[in-house]
Amino acid sequence: FISLVLKNLWRRKIRSILTGTSMAIAVCAVISMLGMAEGYEKSFAALYEARGTDLVIIRAGITQRIASRIDEGLADRVRKIPGVRTVEGTLIDIKTFEHPVSLEGVYIFGLNPDSILMEDSKRLEGRRLNNTDHRKVMIGSLLARNLGKKVGDTLDLFGETFEILTIFNSYNMLESNGAVIPLREMQEILGQQGRVTTFLILLEDSYKRPDKVEEVREQIEALRTSTGGTLNIAVQTVQDHVKTNFETQVLKGLAWVSSMIAMLIGFVSMLNTMMMSITERIREIATFRALGWRKLRIMRMIFLESLVLSAIGAGLGVLLAVPLMEFLAAHSVTSTMVVSRLSPGIIGQGVGMGMLAGLLGAIYPAWIAANLSPATALRHE
């Protein structure tokens, strides 16, 4: 029975190759799009989790977190809450570079020179920022490579010229393709004196338990202004902050929409192939019915042909997606959005969706084939 299925596919090998190729492209697109969304989300979460961040404070009601602005003086009040070890204020903006290459979505971080957020970054060249530096910038190794910059070169940021003081390496994609300037200078240039985008809160080890984290979170949200009004802030765990991030949600939404379109193409391709196969084999299938094949066995044959084609296409799609993600991660235009490593879950989703599309595309052709009457074999030319 299996040999018959394989023989049927091999007899029309050009069509089988084209169908498998179309399914491979669809699966590759699904894996790549979902992989990009997952990679961005993981990189965004790693910005916080790698430093032991427990809570994040942002402006409440802000859709795009990059637009959040909070009074820097809030940090002193938060530090007095039991269990709080460190409060780090960060000003964040996104810049697009046009020369020498086009780069979009480059994160610029305004940090205090002694911030713990830079402790995990390894300096490849130069030295760290200090409080006396003026118009100096630290850039990630990926950004330096994309822009062709080295220590001592200059970089234009927000209409000002900065000297590259350090090139650092970070395991995190957003940092490695980003830049760091002193918080005070970034506040001055953007006209945001005394304002930060977010506060990152690190708790004492004894407060790392979920119930203790929630206790501290509630105490921060309970803080009031001098007149008794609310501070209009949102205090979130890292997981909640990342999941509700506008950019992450948009990217995931676009990834799923693109994946559905790719799977629709795979479905239509499989439906067309199986319908043509049934049309060409009407006499053969009707003869099987005359020889005593049950409808279920006819349907099993059609479904197996579809699943074999889908499995081959899905396998090729995985093999295409891996080098494609490596290429996109290395390319200057897409490096800010892509992590080259694909998780087993994403690969599984791509393969599963490809197999499902193939199976759905075979339902109608299988039903048509199963309902051919034995007399059709005698009438069909």
Protein backbone atom coordinates (compact mmCIF):
# COMPACT_ATOMS: atom_id res chain seq x y z
CA PHE A 1 0.00 0.00 0.00
CA ILE A 2 2.81 2.42 0.91
CA SER A 3 4.73 1.45 -2.23
CA LEU A 4 1.63 2.25 -4.28
CA VAL A 5 1.40 5.70 -2.67
CA LEU A 6 5.07 6.42 -3.43
CA LYS A 7 4.68 5.08 -6.97
CA ASN A 8 1.74 7.41 -7.60
CA LEU A 9 3.82 10.39 -6.52
CA TRP A 10 6.86 9.33 -8.53
CA ARG A 11 4.85 8.81 -11.73
CA ARG A 12 4.17 12.56 -11.75
CA LYS A 13 7.49 13.63 -10.33
CA ILE A 14 7.57 17.15 -11.85
CA ARG A 15 4.23 17.98 -10.28
CA SER A 16 5.26 16.38 -7.00
CA ILE A 17 8.51 18.35 -6.95
CA LEU A 18 6.71 21.63 -7.64
CA THR A 19 4.11 20.94 -4.94
CA GLY A 20 6.76 19.96 -2.42
CA THR A 21 8.72 23.08 -3.30
CA SER A 22 5.72 25.35 -2.80
CA MET A 23 5.05 23.71 0.56
CA ALA A 24 8.72 24.11 1.51
CA ILE A 25 8.58 27.83 0.74
CA ALA A 26 5.39 28.18 2.78
CA VAL A 27 6.87 26.34 5.78
CA CYS A 28 10.11 28.32 5.49
CA ALA A 29 8.10 31.56 5.54
CA VAL A 30 6.14 30.45 8.62
CA ILE A 31 9.24 29.42 10.55
CA SER A 32 11.12 32.57 9.58
CA MET A 33 8.30 34.98 10.47
CA LEU A 34 7.43 33.29 13.76
CA GLY A 35 11.13 32.92 14.54
CA MET A 36 11.70 36.65 14.03
CA ALA A 37 8.82 37.50 16.37
CA GLU A 38 9.99 35.07 19.03
CA GLY A 39 13.61 36.20 18.72
CA TYR A 40 12.67 39.85 19.16
CA GLU A 41 10.52 39.03 22.19
CA LYS A 42 13.29 36.96 23.80
CA SER A 43 15.89 39.66 23.17
CA PHE A 44 13.58 42.27 24.64
CA ALA A 45 13.02 40.13 27.74
CA ALA A 46 16.74 39.41 28.08
CA LEU A 47 17.44 43.13 28.36
CA TYR A 48 15.82 42.95 31.77
CA GLU A 49 16.14 39.36 32.97
CA ALA A 50 19.91 39.09 32.43
CA ARG A 51 20.48 41.81 35.03
CA GLY A 52 18.12 40.27 37.54
CA THR A 53 15.37 42.85 36.97
CA ASP A 54 12.23 41.98 38.90
CA LEU A 55 9.91 44.90 38.17
CA VAL A 56 9.60 47.59 35.51
CA ILE A 57 7.97 50.99 36.00
CA ILE A 58 6.55 52.80 32.98
CA ARG A 59 4.01 55.56 32.35
CA ALA A 60 0.47 54.14 32.55
CA GLY A 61 -1.73 54.25 29.46
CA ILE A 62 1.15 54.49 26.99
CA THR A 63 0.76 52.29 23.91
CA GLN A 64 4.33 52.65 22.68
CA ARG A 65 6.63 52.19 25.65
CA ILE A 66 9.33 54.25 23.98
CA ALA A 67 7.12 57.32 24.56
CA SER A 68 6.90 56.71 28.32
CA ARG A 69 8.26 59.54 30.47
CA ILE A 70 8.49 59.39 34.27
CA ASP A 71 9.78 61.87 36.85
CA GLU A 72 13.30 60.80 37.74
CA GLY A 73 12.69 61.81 41.37
CA LEU A 74 10.44 58.78 41.83
CA ALA A 75 13.56 56.63 42.19
CA ASP A 76 14.37 57.99 45.65
CA ARG A 77 10.89 57.10 46.93
CA VAL A 78 11.02 53.60 45.47
CA ARG A 79 14.44 52.90 47.05
CA LYS A 80 12.90 53.40 50.50
CA ILE A 81 10.46 50.52 50.04
CA PRO A 82 11.58 47.37 51.94
CA GLY A 83 13.11 44.75 49.66
CA VAL A 84 14.24 47.14 46.93
CA ARG A 85 17.96 46.80 46.28
CA THR A 86 18.51 48.90 43.15
CA VAL A 87 16.49 51.34 41.04
CA GLU A 88 17.93 52.17 37.61
CA GLY A 89 16.43 54.92 35.48
CA THR A 90 16.85 54.60 31.71
CA LEU A 91 16.00 56.94 28.86
CA ILE A 92 15.44 55.10 25.58
CA ASP A 93 14.96 56.28 22.03
CA ILE A 94 15.12 54.67 18.61
CA LYS A 95 17.21 56.05 15.76
CA THR A 96 17.43 55.35 12.05
CA PHE A 97 20.81 55.58 10.33
CA GLU A 98 20.94 56.38 6.63
CA HIS A 99 24.69 56.28 6.02
CA PRO A 100 26.84 54.40 5.25
CA VAL A 101 24.04 51.81 5.32
CA SER A 102 20.34 52.05 6.10
CA LEU A 103 19.63 50.84 9.63
CA GLU A 104 16.25 51.08 11.31
CA GLY A 105 15.21 50.37 14.89
CA VAL A 106 18.58 51.06 16.53
CA TYR A 107 18.09 51.49 20.27
CA ILE A 108 19.89 54.38 21.97
CA PHE A 109 20.13 53.98 25.75
CA GLY A 110 20.70 56.84 28.15
CA LEU A 111 22.30 55.36 31.27
CA ASN A 112 24.24 56.57 34.25
CA PRO A 113 27.92 55.77 33.61
CA ASP A 114 28.07 53.53 36.69
CA SER A 115 24.86 51.69 35.84
CA ILE A 116 24.74 47.98 36.61
CA LEU A 117 23.01 47.50 33.28
CA MET A 118 26.39 47.61 31.54
CA GLU A 119 28.12 45.14 33.83
CA ASP A 120 27.44 42.12 31.59
CA SER A 121 28.74 43.83 28.46
CA LYS A 122 32.27 42.92 27.47
CA ARG A 123 34.48 45.75 26.24
CA LEU A 124 36.24 44.83 23.02
CA GLU A 125 37.94 48.20 22.48
CA GLY A 126 38.27 51.42 24.45
CA ARG A 127 37.10 52.12 28.00
CA ARG A 128 33.82 52.60 29.83
CA LEU A 129 32.04 55.90 30.18
CA ASN A 130 32.62 57.95 33.31
CA ASN A 131 30.89 60.98 34.81
CA THR A 132 33.36 63.45 33.27
CA ASP A 133 32.90 62.31 29.66
CA HIS A 134 31.21 64.74 27.27
CA ARG A 135 29.73 63.75 23.92
CA LYS A 136 31.13 60.23 24.17
CA VAL A 137 29.28 57.10 23.12
CA MET A 138 29.61 53.36 23.60
CA ILE A 139 28.35 51.28 20.67
CA GLY A 140 27.65 47.58 20.33
CA SER A 141 29.86 45.36 18.22
CA LEU A 142 27.08 44.60 15.73
CA LEU A 143 26.31 48.29 15.22
CA ALA A 144 30.03 49.02 14.82
CA ARG A 145 30.28 46.33 12.17
CA ASN A 146 27.17 47.48 10.31
CA LEU A 147 28.30 51.12 10.29
CA GLY A 148 31.97 50.34 9.73
CA LYS A 149 32.97 52.29 12.87
CA LYS A 150 35.88 51.93 15.26
CA VAL A 151 37.03 53.58 18.49
CA GLY A 152 37.87 57.23 17.86
CA ASP A 153 35.41 57.64 14.98
CA THR A 154 32.43 59.96 15.31
CA LEU A 155 28.73 59.17 15.30
CA ASP A 156 25.84 61.61 14.78
CA LEU A 157 23.06 61.18 17.32
CA PHE A 158 20.08 63.51 17.67
CA GLY A 159 21.84 66.25 15.75
CA GLU A 160 24.99 66.08 17.89
CA THR A 161 28.40 64.59 17.13
CA PHE A 162 29.67 61.95 19.55
CA GLU A 163 33.09 60.34 19.69
CA ILE A 164 33.06 56.55 19.91
CA LEU A 165 34.74 55.76 23.21
CA THR A 166 33.99 52.04 23.45
CA ILE A 167 32.94 49.10 21.35
CA PHE A 168 31.32 46.46 23.53
CA ASN A 169 30.00 42.99 22.92
CA SER A 170 26.68 41.80 24.29
CA TYR A 171 24.88 38.49 23.93
CA ASN A 172 21.70 40.53 23.49
CA MET A 173 20.74 41.51 19.93
CA LEU A 174 19.18 44.86 20.85
CA GLU A 175 22.22 45.92 22.89
CA SER A 176 24.79 44.62 20.42
CA ASN A 177 23.12 46.68 17.71
CA GLY A 178 22.57 49.68 20.00
CA ALA A 179 24.46 52.56 21.59
CA VAL A 180 24.83 53.99 25.10
CA ILE A 181 25.34 57.64 26.03
CA PRO A 182 25.32 59.28 29.47
CA LEU A 183 21.80 59.75 30.83
CA ARG A 184 22.31 63.45 31.60
CA GLU A 185 23.45 64.22 28.06
CA MET A 186 20.57 62.34 26.47
CA GLN A 187 18.10 64.15 28.72
CA GLU A 188 19.63 67.47 27.72
CA ILE A 189 19.62 66.75 23.98
CA LEU A 190 16.03 65.45 23.94
CA GLY A 191 14.79 68.18 26.27
CA GLN A 192 13.80 65.61 28.87
CA GLN A 193 15.66 66.90 31.93
CA GLY A 194 14.63 64.97 35.01
CA ARG A 195 12.73 62.40 32.95
CA VAL A 196 13.36 58.75 32.15
CA THR A 197 11.57 56.19 29.99
CA THR A 198 11.51 53.46 32.58
CA PHE A 199 12.79 52.36 35.97
CA LEU A 200 14.24 48.89 36.37
CA ILE A 201 13.91 47.53 39.90
CA LEU A 202 16.11 44.82 41.37
CA LEU A 203 15.00 43.28 44.64
CA GLU A 204 16.92 41.73 47.50
CA ASP A 205 17.41 37.98 47.22
CA SER A 206 14.90 37.38 50.02
CA TYR A 207 12.26 39.23 47.98
CA LYS A 208 12.65 37.25 44.77
CA ARG A 209 9.65 35.03 45.53
CA PRO A 210 6.51 35.77 43.47
CA ASP A 211 4.47 36.74 46.53
CA LYS A 212 7.17 39.16 47.69
CA VAL A 213 7.55 40.64 44.20
CA GLU A 214 3.80 41.22 44.11
CA GLU A 215 3.95 42.82 47.56
CA VAL A 216 6.61 45.31 46.42
CA ARG A 217 4.72 45.96 43.19
CA GLU A 218 1.57 46.90 45.11
CA GLN A 219 3.52 49.20 47.42
CA ILE A 220 5.01 51.07 44.47
CA GLU A 221 1.65 51.46 42.79
CA ALA A 222 0.24 52.76 46.09
CA LEU A 223 2.63 55.74 46.06
CA ARG A 224 0.90 59.12 45.68
CA THR A 225 1.81 62.66 44.73
CA SER A 226 2.20 65.37 47.39
CA THR A 227 -1.44 66.33 46.84
CA GLY A 228 -2.67 62.74 47.17
CA GLY A 229 -3.16 62.13 43.45
CA THR A 230 -2.05 59.04 41.55
CA LEU A 231 1.39 58.97 39.93
CA ASN A 232 -0.04 57.56 36.69
CA ILE A 233 2.50 54.75 36.56
CA ALA A 234 2.26 51.05 35.76
CA VAL A 235 4.43 48.57 37.65
CA GLN A 236 4.87 45.27 35.84
CA THR A 237 6.87 42.09 36.09
CA VAL A 238 9.35 41.57 33.25
CA GLN A 239 7.16 38.89 31.67
CA ASP A 240 4.07 41.12 31.64
CA HIS A 241 6.07 44.09 30.40
CA VAL A 242 7.42 42.16 27.41
CA LYS A 243 4.15 40.44 26.50
CA THR A 244 2.19 43.71 26.49
CA ASN A 245 4.86 45.67 24.64
CA PHE A 246 3.30 47.32 21.56
CA GLU A 247 6.18 46.56 19.20
CA THR A 248 6.24 42.90 20.27
CA GLN A 249 2.49 42.53 19.78
CA VAL A 250 2.59 44.15 16.34
CA LEU A 251 5.48 41.95 15.21
CA LYS A 252 3.77 38.79 16.46
CA GLY A 253 0.52 39.81 14.79
CA LEU A 254 2.24 40.45 11.47
CA ALA A 255 4.10 37.14 11.79
CA TRP A 256 0.88 35.19 12.25
CA VAL A 257 -0.92 37.00 9.43
CA SER A 258 1.99 36.32 7.07
CA SER A 259 2.09 32.70 8.23
CA MET A 260 -1.61 32.24 7.52
CA ILE A 261 -1.16 33.64 4.01
CA ALA A 262 1.78 31.31 3.40
CA MET A 263 -0.23 28.33 4.63
CA LEU A 264 -3.16 29.32 2.42
CA ILE A 265 -0.83 29.20 -0.57
CA GLY A 266 0.37 25.76 0.54
CA PHE A 267 -3.23 24.59 0.97
CA VAL A 268 -4.29 25.79 -2.50
CA SER A 269 -1.20 24.22 -4.06
CA MET A 270 -1.93 20.85 -2.44
CA LEU A 271 -5.64 21.04 -3.33
CA ASN A 272 -4.79 21.75 -6.98
CA THR A 273 -2.23 18.96 -7.16
CA MET A 274 -4.49 16.32 -5.61
CA MET A 275 -7.48 17.33 -7.75
CA MET A 276 -5.39 17.01 -10.91
CA SER A 277 -4.11 13.66 -9.70
CA ILE A 278 -7.66 12.39 -9.08
CA THR A 279 -8.84 13.64 -12.48
CA GLU A 280 -6.02 11.79 -14.26
CA ARG A 281 -6.60 8.57 -12.27
CA ILE A 282 -10.39 8.26 -12.39
CA ARG A 283 -10.26 4.90 -14.24
CA GLU A 284 -7.57 3.55 -11.91
CA ILE A 285 -9.39 4.56 -8.71
CA ALA A 286 -12.75 3.29 -10.01
CA THR A 287 -11.07 -0.01 -10.83
CA PHE A 288 -9.83 -0.25 -7.22
CA ARG A 289 -13.43 0.26 -6.12
CA ALA A 290 -14.54 -2.51 -8.48
CA LEU A 291 -11.90 -4.81 -6.99
CA GLY A 292 -13.38 -4.31 -3.55
CA TRP A 293 -11.44 -1.39 -2.09
CA ARG A 294 -13.53 0.37 0.52
CA LYS A 295 -14.06 4.12 0.45
CA LEU A 296 -11.93 4.50 3.58
CA ARG A 297 -8.96 2.81 1.91
CA ILE A 298 -9.23 5.09 -1.13
CA MET A 299 -9.28 8.13 1.17
CA ARG A 300 -6.30 6.79 3.13
CA MET A 301 -4.32 6.53 -0.11
CA ILE A 302 -5.08 10.13 -1.08
CA PHE A 303 -4.36 11.43 2.41
CA LEU A 304 -1.06 9.53 2.56
CA GLU A 305 0.03 10.97 -0.80
CA SER A 306 -0.74 14.44 0.52
CA LEU A 307 1.03 13.84 3.83
CA VAL A 308 4.14 12.46 2.11
CA LEU A 309 4.36 15.55 -0.09
CA SER A 310 3.73 17.81 2.92
CA ALA A 311 6.38 16.02 5.02
CA ILE A 312 8.98 16.36 2.28
CA GLY A 313 8.08 20.01 1.78
CA ALA A 314 8.15 20.70 5.53
CA GLY A 315 11.57 19.08 5.85
CA LEU A 316 12.93 21.17 3.01
CA GLY A 317 11.30 24.24 4.55
CA VAL A 318 13.19 23.70 7.80
CA LEU A 319 16.45 23.25 5.91
CA LEU A 320 15.78 26.52 4.06
CA ALA A 321 14.73 28.46 7.17
CA VAL A 322 17.90 27.79 9.18
CA PRO A 323 20.39 29.39 6.71
CA LEU A 324 17.85 32.11 5.89
CA MET A 325 17.70 33.18 9.54
CA GLU A 326 21.50 33.10 9.72
CA PHE A 327 21.69 35.35 6.67
CA LEU A 328 19.08 37.81 7.99
CA ALA A 329 20.78 37.96 11.39
CA ALA A 330 24.07 38.86 9.70
CA HIS A 331 22.59 41.37 7.24
CA SER A 332 22.82 44.99 8.33
CA VAL A 333 19.24 45.91 7.38
CA THR A 334 17.55 43.08 9.30
CA SER A 335 20.06 42.37 12.07
CA THR A 336 18.11 44.48 14.60
CA MET A 337 15.06 42.23 14.22
CA VAL A 338 16.44 38.72 13.80
CA VAL A 339 17.99 36.18 16.15
CA SER A 340 19.62 33.37 14.20
CA ARG A 341 18.72 30.62 16.69
CA LEU A 342 15.39 28.89 15.98
CA SER A 343 13.67 27.20 18.90
CA PRO A 344 12.28 23.65 18.54
CA GLY A 345 8.84 25.07 19.29
CA ILE A 346 8.93 27.41 16.30
CA ILE A 347 10.20 24.66 14.01
CA GLY A 348 7.46 22.38 15.32
CA GLN A 349 4.80 25.01 14.64
CA GLY A 350 6.03 25.48 11.08
CA VAL A 351 6.13 21.76 10.35
CA GLY A 352 2.76 21.20 12.03
CA MET A 353 1.09 24.00 10.06
CA GLY A 354 2.57 22.65 6.82
CA MET A 355 1.28 19.13 7.51
CA LEU A 356 -2.14 20.51 8.46
CA ALA A 357 -2.35 22.59 5.27
CA GLY A 358 -1.49 19.51 3.22
CA LEU A 359 -4.06 17.40 5.03
CA LEU A 360 -6.81 19.98 4.58
CA GLY A 361 -5.93 20.34 0.91
CA ALA A 362 -6.53 16.61 0.41
CA ILE A 363 -9.97 16.37 2.07
CA TYR A 364 -12.08 17.31 -0.95
CA PRO A 365 -10.03 15.31 -3.50
CA ALA A 366 -10.17 12.27 -1.17
CA TRP A 367 -13.93 12.59 -0.89
CA ILE A 368 -14.29 12.81 -4.67
CA ALA A 369 -12.06 9.75 -5.16
CA ALA A 370 -13.86 7.69 -2.51
CA ASN A 371 -17.23 8.31 -4.13
CA LEU A 372 -16.27 7.16 -7.62
CA SER A 373 -18.47 4.22 -8.58
CA PRO A 374 -16.99 1.03 -10.07
CA ALA A 375 -19.08 1.64 -13.20
CA THR A 376 -17.03 4.80 -13.81
CA ALA A 377 -14.08 2.61 -14.80
CA LEU A 378 -16.08 1.20 -17.69
CA ARG A 379 -17.38 4.56 -18.91
CA HIS A 380 -14.14 6.54 -18.57
CA GLU A 381 -11.94 6.80 -21.65
